[in-house]
Amino acid sequence: MTTEVILHYRPYESDPTQLPKIVEKAIQDFPTRPLSRFIPWFPYDGSKLPLRPKRSPPVISREAAEDVKQYLTISEHDAKSHNYDCTVDLLEFQPCLKKQHLTSSHALKEQTNSGNLGKQSEKGKQHNRRSWSISLPSNNCTEKVSPLSKKLQDSLKALNLHSLYRARWTIEHTICNSQTLEDIWTKLNQIIRHNELPSCNATIQRHLGEIWVFCDIMYCEYVGSLLKGRLALSGKINLFVHKYGVIFSM
């Protein structure tokens, strides 16, 4: 095997005795050094684990174990009996812009419906809580879902959003077409219970005068069309995505 070497040198370094030495030095093998042997930081003789706790684990008596088991049973029963809202502090479920107040006529209508005229009874407090409705997974309605429109696809592409991203339709009291928010909520619950809305869950925000319907973006146009038709809504509904705001309307 032959090796061709081209040497570039400056005019003042044209000493014929030095040039061969430079070439010889350039093509010699690079020096190597052996790696040092790895030595673990702990002693290990292969017969026992290197680390061992100094104390034995605590021992619990049978009577104490029964007491703990009974306490856990009571605690679990109390937790199930409490009705609480676990989404209060979650940003995903917060509105983009909170409304400062509702119109006086609408507020009066909501108070009449909730039985809170004059004083707040225990029944009224229960009625004013946010209510949730959740759909079960079903393949029946997903077969009817059409591909997303070009306008929505362009919007998703611009925002780099996946079609499985979670979005929210907002139904405001102003587009309920002479119906109360409670009427719309009752109809919506019936639709969801019959599994006509894929991947949906909904909540009524009475203090905002809104109903929020959550769904995957891939089903949002189908869900929006069904909501407008079945609930007889008279205006536009907006599709809200967390951190991006309103991305679509229909």
C-alpha atoms as a PDB file:
ATOM      1  CA  MET A   1       0.000   0.000   0.000  1.00  0.00           C
ATOM      2  CA  THR A   2       1.405   3.377  -1.044  1.00  0.00           C
ATOM      3  CA  THR A   3       0.651   6.702   0.553  1.00  0.00           C
ATOM      4  CA  GLU A   4       0.881  10.002  -1.264  1.00  0.00           C
ATOM      5  CA  VAL A   5       1.814  12.968   0.881  1.00  0.00           C
ATOM      6  CA  ILE A   6       1.513  16.568  -0.283  1.00  0.00           C
ATOM      7  CA  LEU A   7       3.456  18.995   1.849  1.00  0.00           C
ATOM      8  CA  HIS A   8       2.704  22.701   1.853  1.00  0.00           C
ATOM      9  CA  TYR A   9       5.417  24.909   3.310  1.00  0.00           C
ATOM     10  CA  ARG A  10       6.338  28.590   3.478  1.00  0.00           C
ATOM     11  CA  PRO A  11       9.178  29.887   1.257  1.00  0.00           C
ATOM     12  CA  TYR A  12      11.443  30.576   4.226  1.00  0.00           C
ATOM     13  CA  GLU A  13      10.979  26.966   5.467  1.00  0.00           C
ATOM     14  CA  SER A  14      12.454  25.294   2.389  1.00  0.00           C
ATOM     15  CA  ASP A  15      15.318  23.608   4.216  1.00  0.00           C
ATOM     16  CA  PRO A  16      15.705  20.183   2.456  1.00  0.00           C
ATOM     17  CA  THR A  17      16.890  18.531   5.662  1.00  0.00           C
ATOM     18  CA  GLN A  18      13.866  19.587   7.707  1.00  0.00           C
ATOM     19  CA  LEU A  19      11.063  18.829   5.255  1.00  0.00           C
ATOM     20  CA  PRO A  20      11.413  15.000   5.373  1.00  0.00           C
ATOM     21  CA  LYS A  21      11.390  15.134   9.146  1.00  0.00           C
ATOM     22  CA  ILE A  22       8.141  17.139   9.130  1.00  0.00           C
ATOM     23  CA  VAL A  23       6.525  14.607   6.766  1.00  0.00           C
ATOM     24  CA  GLU A  24       7.740  11.691   8.834  1.00  0.00           C
ATOM     25  CA  LYS A  25       6.329  13.217  11.992  1.00  0.00           C
ATOM     26  CA  ALA A  26       2.969  13.982  10.344  1.00  0.00           C
ATOM     27  CA  ILE A  27       2.277  10.425   9.166  1.00  0.00           C
ATOM     28  CA  GLN A  28       3.436   8.521  12.223  1.00  0.00           C
ATOM     29  CA  ASP A  29       0.823   6.688  14.295  1.00  0.00           C
ATOM     30  CA  PHE A  30      -0.967   8.604  17.004  1.00  0.00           C
ATOM     31  CA  PRO A  31       0.125   7.588  20.484  1.00  0.00           C
ATOM     32  CA  THR A  32      -2.401   5.626  22.575  1.00  0.00           C
ATOM     33  CA  ARG A  33      -2.607   4.997  26.289  1.00  0.00           C
ATOM     34  CA  PRO A  34      -4.427   2.137  28.050  1.00  0.00           C
ATOM     35  CA  LEU A  35      -7.450   3.015  30.180  1.00  0.00           C
ATOM     36  CA  SER A  36      -7.088   2.580  33.892  1.00  0.00           C
ATOM     37  CA  ARG A  37      -8.987  -0.302  35.514  1.00  0.00           C
ATOM     38  CA  PHE A  38     -12.379   0.647  37.000  1.00  0.00           C
ATOM     39  CA  ILE A  39     -12.508   0.306  40.767  1.00  0.00           C
ATOM     40  CA  PRO A  40     -15.938   0.698  42.480  1.00  0.00           C
ATOM     41  CA  TRP A  41     -16.199   3.094  45.389  1.00  0.00           C
ATOM     42  CA  PHE A  42     -17.663   0.401  47.669  1.00  0.00           C
ATOM     43  CA  PRO A  43     -16.129  -2.954  48.638  1.00  0.00           C
ATOM     44  CA  TYR A  44     -17.787  -5.875  46.885  1.00  0.00           C
ATOM     45  CA  ASP A  45     -16.874  -9.505  47.426  1.00  0.00           C
ATOM     46  CA  GLY A  46     -19.770 -11.025  45.457  1.00  0.00           C
ATOM     47  CA  SER A  47     -21.371 -12.719  48.462  1.00  0.00           C
ATOM     48  CA  LYS A  48     -23.541  -9.913  49.831  1.00  0.00           C
ATOM     49  CA  LEU A  49     -25.069  -6.638  48.771  1.00  0.00           C
ATOM     50  CA  PRO A  50     -22.816  -3.587  49.173  1.00  0.00           C
ATOM     51  CA  LEU A  51     -25.492  -1.525  50.927  1.00  0.00           C
ATOM     52  CA  ARG A  52     -27.514  -2.763  53.882  1.00  0.00           C
ATOM     53  CA  PRO A  53     -29.756  -0.824  56.307  1.00  0.00           C
ATOM     54  CA  LYS A  54     -28.410  -0.556  59.834  1.00  0.00           C
ATOM     55  CA  ARG A  55     -31.786  -1.181  61.495  1.00  0.00           C
ATOM     56  CA  SER A  56     -34.427  -3.842  60.976  1.00  0.00           C
ATOM     57  CA  PRO A  57     -37.839  -2.806  59.562  1.00  0.00           C
ATOM     58  CA  PRO A  58     -40.532  -1.884  62.126  1.00  0.00           C
ATOM     59  CA  VAL A  59     -42.920  -4.594  63.267  1.00  0.00           C
ATOM     60  CA  ILE A  60     -46.655  -3.869  63.573  1.00  0.00           C
ATOM     61  CA  SER A  61     -48.953  -5.967  65.705  1.00  0.00           C
ATOM     62  CA  ARG A  62     -52.107  -7.633  64.394  1.00  0.00           C
ATOM     63  CA  GLU A  63     -54.319  -5.376  66.552  1.00  0.00           C
ATOM     64  CA  ALA A  64     -52.647  -2.225  65.190  1.00  0.00           C
ATOM     65  CA  ALA A  65     -53.065  -3.507  61.613  1.00  0.00           C
ATOM     66  CA  GLU A  66     -56.815  -4.024  62.194  1.00  0.00           C
ATOM     67  CA  ASP A  67     -57.117  -0.481  63.602  1.00  0.00           C
ATOM     68  CA  VAL A  68     -55.396   0.974  60.520  1.00  0.00           C
ATOM     69  CA  LYS A  69     -57.595  -1.082  58.183  1.00  0.00           C
ATOM     70  CA  GLN A  70     -60.756   0.122  59.952  1.00  0.00           C
ATOM     71  CA  TYR A  71     -59.581   3.740  59.811  1.00  0.00           C
ATOM     72  CA  LEU A  72     -58.871   3.515  56.068  1.00  0.00           C
ATOM     73  CA  THR A  73     -62.319   2.022  55.437  1.00  0.00           C
ATOM     74  CA  ILE A  74     -64.013   4.895  57.290  1.00  0.00           C
ATOM     75  CA  SER A  75     -61.876   7.507  55.485  1.00  0.00           C
ATOM     76  CA  GLU A  76     -62.682   5.999  52.078  1.00  0.00           C
ATOM     77  CA  HIS A  77     -66.409   6.038  52.878  1.00  0.00           C
ATOM     78  CA  ASP A  78     -66.243   9.717  53.933  1.00  0.00           C
ATOM     79  CA  ALA A  79     -64.333  10.663  50.771  1.00  0.00           C
ATOM     80  CA  LYS A  80     -66.964   9.030  48.557  1.00  0.00           C
ATOM     81  CA  SER A  81     -69.828  10.713  50.410  1.00  0.00           C
ATOM     82  CA  HIS A  82     -68.413  14.240  49.886  1.00  0.00           C
ATOM     83  CA  ASN A  83     -69.444  16.021  46.694  1.00  0.00           C
ATOM     84  CA  TYR A  84     -66.560  18.270  45.675  1.00  0.00           C
ATOM     85  CA  ASP A  85     -65.296  19.928  42.510  1.00  0.00           C
ATOM     86  CA  CYS A  86     -61.737  18.854  41.691  1.00  0.00           C
ATOM     87  CA  THR A  87     -61.387  21.321  38.779  1.00  0.00           C
ATOM     88  CA  VAL A  88     -61.649  24.572  40.748  1.00  0.00           C
ATOM     89  CA  ASP A  89     -57.961  25.493  40.499  1.00  0.00           C
ATOM     90  CA  LEU A  90     -57.160  23.891  37.128  1.00  0.00           C
ATOM     91  CA  LEU A  91     -56.246  26.469  34.457  1.00  0.00           C
ATOM     92  CA  GLU A  92     -57.671  24.310  31.677  1.00  0.00           C
ATOM     93  CA  PHE A  93     -61.165  24.910  32.976  1.00  0.00           C
ATOM     94  CA  GLN A  94     -60.840  28.660  33.549  1.00  0.00           C
ATOM     95  CA  PRO A  95     -62.472  31.063  31.056  1.00  0.00           C
ATOM     96  CA  CYS A  96     -60.307  33.244  28.825  1.00  0.00           C
ATOM     97  CA  LEU A  97     -61.974  36.459  29.973  1.00  0.00           C
ATOM     98  CA  LYS A  98     -64.220  36.456  33.031  1.00  0.00           C
ATOM     99  CA  LYS A  99     -67.365  38.502  32.660  1.00  0.00           C
ATOM    100  CA  GLN A 100     -67.730  41.272  35.195  1.00  0.00           C
ATOM    101  CA  HIS A 101     -71.480  40.986  35.500  1.00  0.00           C
ATOM    102  CA  LEU A 102     -74.580  39.616  33.819  1.00  0.00           C
ATOM    103  CA  THR A 103     -77.440  41.767  32.610  1.00  0.00           C
ATOM    104  CA  SER A 104     -79.950  42.543  35.328  1.00  0.00           C
ATOM    105  CA  SER A 105     -82.797  40.779  33.517  1.00  0.00           C
ATOM    106  CA  HIS A 106     -80.795  37.619  33.000  1.00  0.00           C
ATOM    107  CA  ALA A 107     -79.552  37.653  36.595  1.00  0.00           C
ATOM    108  CA  LEU A 108     -83.153  37.984  37.792  1.00  0.00           C
ATOM    109  CA  LYS A 109     -84.216  35.039  35.610  1.00  0.00           C
ATOM    110  CA  GLU A 110     -81.373  32.883  36.964  1.00  0.00           C
ATOM    111  CA  GLN A 111     -82.345  33.755  40.533  1.00  0.00           C
ATOM    112  CA  THR A 112     -85.961  32.855  39.847  1.00  0.00           C
ATOM    113  CA  ASN A 113     -85.000  29.509  38.339  1.00  0.00           C
ATOM    114  CA  SER A 114     -82.672  28.637  41.212  1.00  0.00           C
ATOM    115  CA  GLY A 115     -85.167  29.601  43.925  1.00  0.00           C
ATOM    116  CA  ASN A 116     -82.909  32.252  45.430  1.00  0.00           C
ATOM    117  CA  LEU A 117     -85.289  35.225  45.593  1.00  0.00           C
ATOM    118  CA  GLY A 118     -85.134  36.923  48.976  1.00  0.00           C
ATOM    119  CA  LYS A 119     -82.837  34.385  50.712  1.00  0.00           C
ATOM    120  CA  GLN A 120     -80.547  31.494  49.823  1.00  0.00           C
ATOM    121  CA  SER A 121     -81.867  28.176  51.041  1.00  0.00           C
ATOM    122  CA  GLU A 122     -79.885  24.958  51.215  1.00  0.00           C
ATOM    123  CA  LYS A 123     -81.655  23.781  48.088  1.00  0.00           C
ATOM    124  CA  GLY A 124     -80.668  26.962  46.287  1.00  0.00           C
ATOM    125  CA  LYS A 125     -76.998  26.526  47.181  1.00  0.00           C
ATOM    126  CA  GLN A 126     -77.078  23.006  45.799  1.00  0.00           C
ATOM    127  CA  HIS A 127     -78.700  24.283  42.602  1.00  0.00           C
ATOM    128  CA  ASN A 128     -76.044  26.970  42.078  1.00  0.00           C
ATOM    129  CA  ARG A 129     -73.157  24.531  42.059  1.00  0.00           C
ATOM    130  CA  ARG A 130     -71.414  23.760  38.806  1.00  0.00           C
ATOM    131  CA  SER A 131     -72.790  20.551  37.319  1.00  0.00           C
ATOM    132  CA  TRP A 132     -70.892  18.052  35.184  1.00  0.00           C
ATOM    133  CA  SER A 133     -72.018  15.629  32.542  1.00  0.00           C
ATOM    134  CA  ILE A 134     -69.657  13.064  30.976  1.00  0.00           C
ATOM    135  CA  SER A 135     -70.192  10.850  27.930  1.00  0.00           C
ATOM    136  CA  LEU A 136     -69.234   7.195  27.656  1.00  0.00           C
ATOM    137  CA  PRO A 137     -66.881   6.005  24.873  1.00  0.00           C
ATOM    138  CA  SER A 138     -68.904   4.900  21.859  1.00  0.00           C
ATOM    139  CA  ASN A 139     -68.104   4.062  18.237  1.00  0.00           C
ATOM    140  CA  ASN A 140     -71.662   4.568  16.938  1.00  0.00           C
ATOM    141  CA  CYS A 141     -71.463   8.325  16.313  1.00  0.00           C
ATOM    142  CA  THR A 142     -67.791   8.451  15.283  1.00  0.00           C
ATOM    143  CA  GLU A 143     -68.685   6.714  12.017  1.00  0.00           C
ATOM    144  CA  LYS A 144     -70.766   9.766  11.044  1.00  0.00           C
ATOM    145  CA  VAL A 145     -67.948  12.265  11.674  1.00  0.00           C
ATOM    146  CA  SER A 146     -66.666  13.970   8.503  1.00  0.00           C
ATOM    147  CA  PRO A 147     -63.077  15.184   7.984  1.00  0.00           C
ATOM    148  CA  LEU A 148     -62.274  18.639   9.324  1.00  0.00           C
ATOM    149  CA  SER A 149     -62.914  21.639   7.077  1.00  0.00           C
ATOM    150  CA  LYS A 150     -59.990  23.286   5.274  1.00  0.00           C
ATOM    151  CA  LYS A 151     -60.408  26.463   7.339  1.00  0.00           C
ATOM    152  CA  LEU A 152     -60.013  24.574  10.609  1.00  0.00           C
ATOM    153  CA  GLN A 153     -57.159  22.445   9.237  1.00  0.00           C
ATOM    154  CA  ASP A 154     -55.279  25.615   8.234  1.00  0.00           C
ATOM    155  CA  SER A 155     -55.829  27.045  11.720  1.00  0.00           C
ATOM    156  CA  LEU A 156     -54.497  23.864  13.366  1.00  0.00           C
ATOM    157  CA  LYS A 157     -51.467  23.855  11.071  1.00  0.00           C
ATOM    158  CA  ALA A 158     -50.682  27.513  11.867  1.00  0.00           C
ATOM    159  CA  LEU A 159     -50.890  26.879  15.619  1.00  0.00           C
ATOM    160  CA  ASN A 160     -49.166  23.470  15.400  1.00  0.00           C
ATOM    161  CA  LEU A 161     -52.083  21.776  17.194  1.00  0.00           C
ATOM    162  CA  HIS A 162     -52.807  18.041  16.999  1.00  0.00           C
ATOM    163  CA  SER A 163     -56.324  16.859  16.156  1.00  0.00           C
ATOM    164  CA  LEU A 164     -56.511  15.025  19.509  1.00  0.00           C
ATOM    165  CA  TYR A 165     -55.935  18.277  21.419  1.00  0.00           C
ATOM    166  CA  ARG A 166     -58.765  19.121  23.834  1.00  0.00           C
ATOM    167  CA  ALA A 167     -61.005  22.086  22.980  1.00  0.00           C
ATOM    168  CA  ARG A 168     -64.136  23.727  24.379  1.00  0.00           C
ATOM    169  CA  TRP A 169     -67.339  25.017  22.795  1.00  0.00           C
ATOM    170  CA  THR A 170     -68.825  27.944  24.745  1.00  0.00           C
ATOM    171  CA  ILE A 171     -72.615  28.367  24.758  1.00  0.00           C
ATOM    172  CA  GLU A 172     -73.560  31.787  26.129  1.00  0.00           C
ATOM    173  CA  HIS A 173     -76.991  32.665  27.501  1.00  0.00           C
ATOM    174  CA  THR A 174     -77.360  35.358  24.800  1.00  0.00           C
ATOM    175  CA  ILE A 175     -77.715  32.736  22.015  1.00  0.00           C
ATOM    176  CA  CYS A 176     -80.190  30.464  23.794  1.00  0.00           C
ATOM    177  CA  ASN A 177     -83.092  31.766  21.648  1.00  0.00           C
ATOM    178  CA  SER A 178     -85.631  32.615  24.411  1.00  0.00           C
ATOM    179  CA  GLN A 179     -84.620  29.499  26.373  1.00  0.00           C
ATOM    180  CA  THR A 180     -83.072  29.614  29.830  1.00  0.00           C
ATOM    181  CA  LEU A 181     -79.618  28.244  30.496  1.00  0.00           C
ATOM    182  CA  GLU A 182     -81.224  25.471  32.573  1.00  0.00           C
ATOM    183  CA  ASP A 183     -83.386  24.431  29.589  1.00  0.00           C
ATOM    184  CA  ILE A 184     -80.306  24.140  27.376  1.00  0.00           C
ATOM    185  CA  TRP A 185     -78.451  22.216  30.102  1.00  0.00           C
ATOM    186  CA  THR A 186     -81.324  19.706  30.447  1.00  0.00           C
ATOM    187  CA  LYS A 187     -81.408  19.071  26.680  1.00  0.00           C
ATOM    188  CA  LEU A 188     -77.621  18.762  26.524  1.00  0.00           C
ATOM    189  CA  ASN A 189     -77.623  16.180  29.315  1.00  0.00           C
ATOM    190  CA  GLN A 190     -80.109  14.042  27.409  1.00  0.00           C
ATOM    191  CA  ILE A 191     -77.928  14.188  24.273  1.00  0.00           C
ATOM    192  CA  ILE A 192     -74.799  13.232  26.200  1.00  0.00           C
ATOM    193  CA  ARG A 193     -76.527  10.385  28.052  1.00  0.00           C
ATOM    194  CA  HIS A 194     -77.542   8.882  24.716  1.00  0.00           C
ATOM    195  CA  ASN A 195     -73.848   8.947  23.603  1.00  0.00           C
ATOM    196  CA  GLU A 196     -74.550  11.204  20.628  1.00  0.00           C
ATOM    197  CA  LEU A 197     -71.501  13.429  21.287  1.00  0.00           C
ATOM    198  CA  PRO A 198     -68.155  11.621  20.921  1.00  0.00           C
ATOM    199  CA  SER A 199     -65.424  12.284  23.523  1.00  0.00           C
ATOM    200  CA  CYS A 200     -67.518  14.989  25.204  1.00  0.00           C
ATOM    201  CA  ASN A 201     -68.042  16.192  28.722  1.00  0.00           C
ATOM    202  CA  ALA A 202     -69.809  19.387  29.725  1.00  0.00           C
ATOM    203  CA  THR A 203     -70.253  21.763  32.637  1.00  0.00           C
ATOM    204  CA  ILE A 204     -72.633  24.621  33.342  1.00  0.00           C
ATOM    205  CA  GLN A 205     -71.080  27.821  34.704  1.00  0.00           C
ATOM    206  CA  ARG A 206     -74.113  29.583  36.168  1.00  0.00           C
ATOM    207  CA  HIS A 207     -72.141  32.516  37.592  1.00  0.00           C
ATOM    208  CA  LEU A 208     -70.869  33.261  34.044  1.00  0.00           C
ATOM    209  CA  GLY A 209     -74.107  32.452  32.238  1.00  0.00           C
ATOM    210  CA  GLU A 210     -72.296  29.867  30.067  1.00  0.00           C
ATOM    211  CA  ILE A 211     -72.224  26.164  29.266  1.00  0.00           C
ATOM    212  CA  TRP A 212     -68.866  24.624  28.321  1.00  0.00           C
ATOM    213  CA  VAL A 213     -68.753  21.524  26.140  1.00  0.00           C
ATOM    214  CA  PHE A 214     -65.309  19.875  25.965  1.00  0.00           C
ATOM    215  CA  CYS A 215     -64.338  17.581  23.077  1.00  0.00           C
ATOM    216  CA  ASP A 216     -61.360  16.460  20.975  1.00  0.00           C
ATOM    217  CA  ILE A 217     -60.632  18.799  18.064  1.00  0.00           C
ATOM    218  CA  MET A 218     -61.077  15.970  15.537  1.00  0.00           C
ATOM    219  CA  TYR A 219     -64.791  15.831  16.507  1.00  0.00           C
ATOM    220  CA  CYS A 220     -65.356  19.546  17.185  1.00  0.00           C
ATOM    221  CA  GLU A 221     -67.168  20.468  13.938  1.00  0.00           C
ATOM    222  CA  TYR A 222     -69.504  17.496  14.234  1.00  0.00           C
ATOM    223  CA  VAL A 223     -70.178  18.352  17.881  1.00  0.00           C
ATOM    224  CA  GLY A 224     -70.685  22.060  17.107  1.00  0.00           C
ATOM    225  CA  SER A 225     -73.184  21.376  14.292  1.00  0.00           C
ATOM    226  CA  LEU A 226     -75.142  18.971  16.468  1.00  0.00           C
ATOM    227  CA  LEU A 227     -75.239  21.457  19.360  1.00  0.00           C
ATOM    228  CA  LYS A 228     -76.513  24.312  17.169  1.00  0.00           C
ATOM    229  CA  GLY A 229     -79.156  22.129  15.554  1.00  0.00           C
ATOM    230  CA  ARG A 230     -80.463  20.132  18.501  1.00  0.00           C
ATOM    231  CA  LEU A 231     -80.349  22.990  21.018  1.00  0.00           C
ATOM    232  CA  ALA A 232     -81.761  25.562  18.557  1.00  0.00           C
ATOM    233  CA  LEU A 233     -79.023  28.119  19.242  1.00  0.00           C
ATOM    234  CA  SER A 234     -79.509  31.482  17.522  1.00  0.00           C
ATOM    235  CA  GLY A 235     -75.934  32.800  17.302  1.00  0.00           C
ATOM    236  CA  LYS A 236     -72.294  31.815  16.934  1.00  0.00           C
ATOM    237  CA  ILE A 237     -70.507  29.439  19.258  1.00  0.00           C
ATOM    238  CA  ASN A 238     -66.746  29.762  19.750  1.00  0.00           C
ATOM    239  CA  LEU A 239     -64.161  26.988  19.985  1.00  0.00           C
ATOM    240  CA  PHE A 240     -61.684  27.796  22.763  1.00  0.00           C
ATOM    241  CA  VAL A 241     -58.303  26.061  23.256  1.00  0.00           C
ATOM    242  CA  HIS A 242     -56.262  26.563  26.418  1.00  0.00           C
ATOM    243  CA  LYS A 243     -53.302  28.969  25.884  1.00  0.00           C
ATOM    244  CA  TYR A 244     -54.476  29.745  22.324  1.00  0.00           C
ATOM    245  CA  GLY A 245     -57.886  31.337  22.904  1.00  0.00           C
ATOM    246  CA  VAL A 246     -60.701  31.160  20.332  1.00  0.00           C
ATOM    247  CA  ILE A 247     -59.427  29.345  17.216  1.00  0.00           C
ATOM    248  CA  PHE A 248     -62.711  28.703  15.364  1.00  0.00           C
ATOM    249  CA  SER A 249     -66.359  29.805  15.304  1.00  0.00           C
ATOM    250  CA  MET A 250     -69.525  28.492  13.723  1.00  0.00           C
END
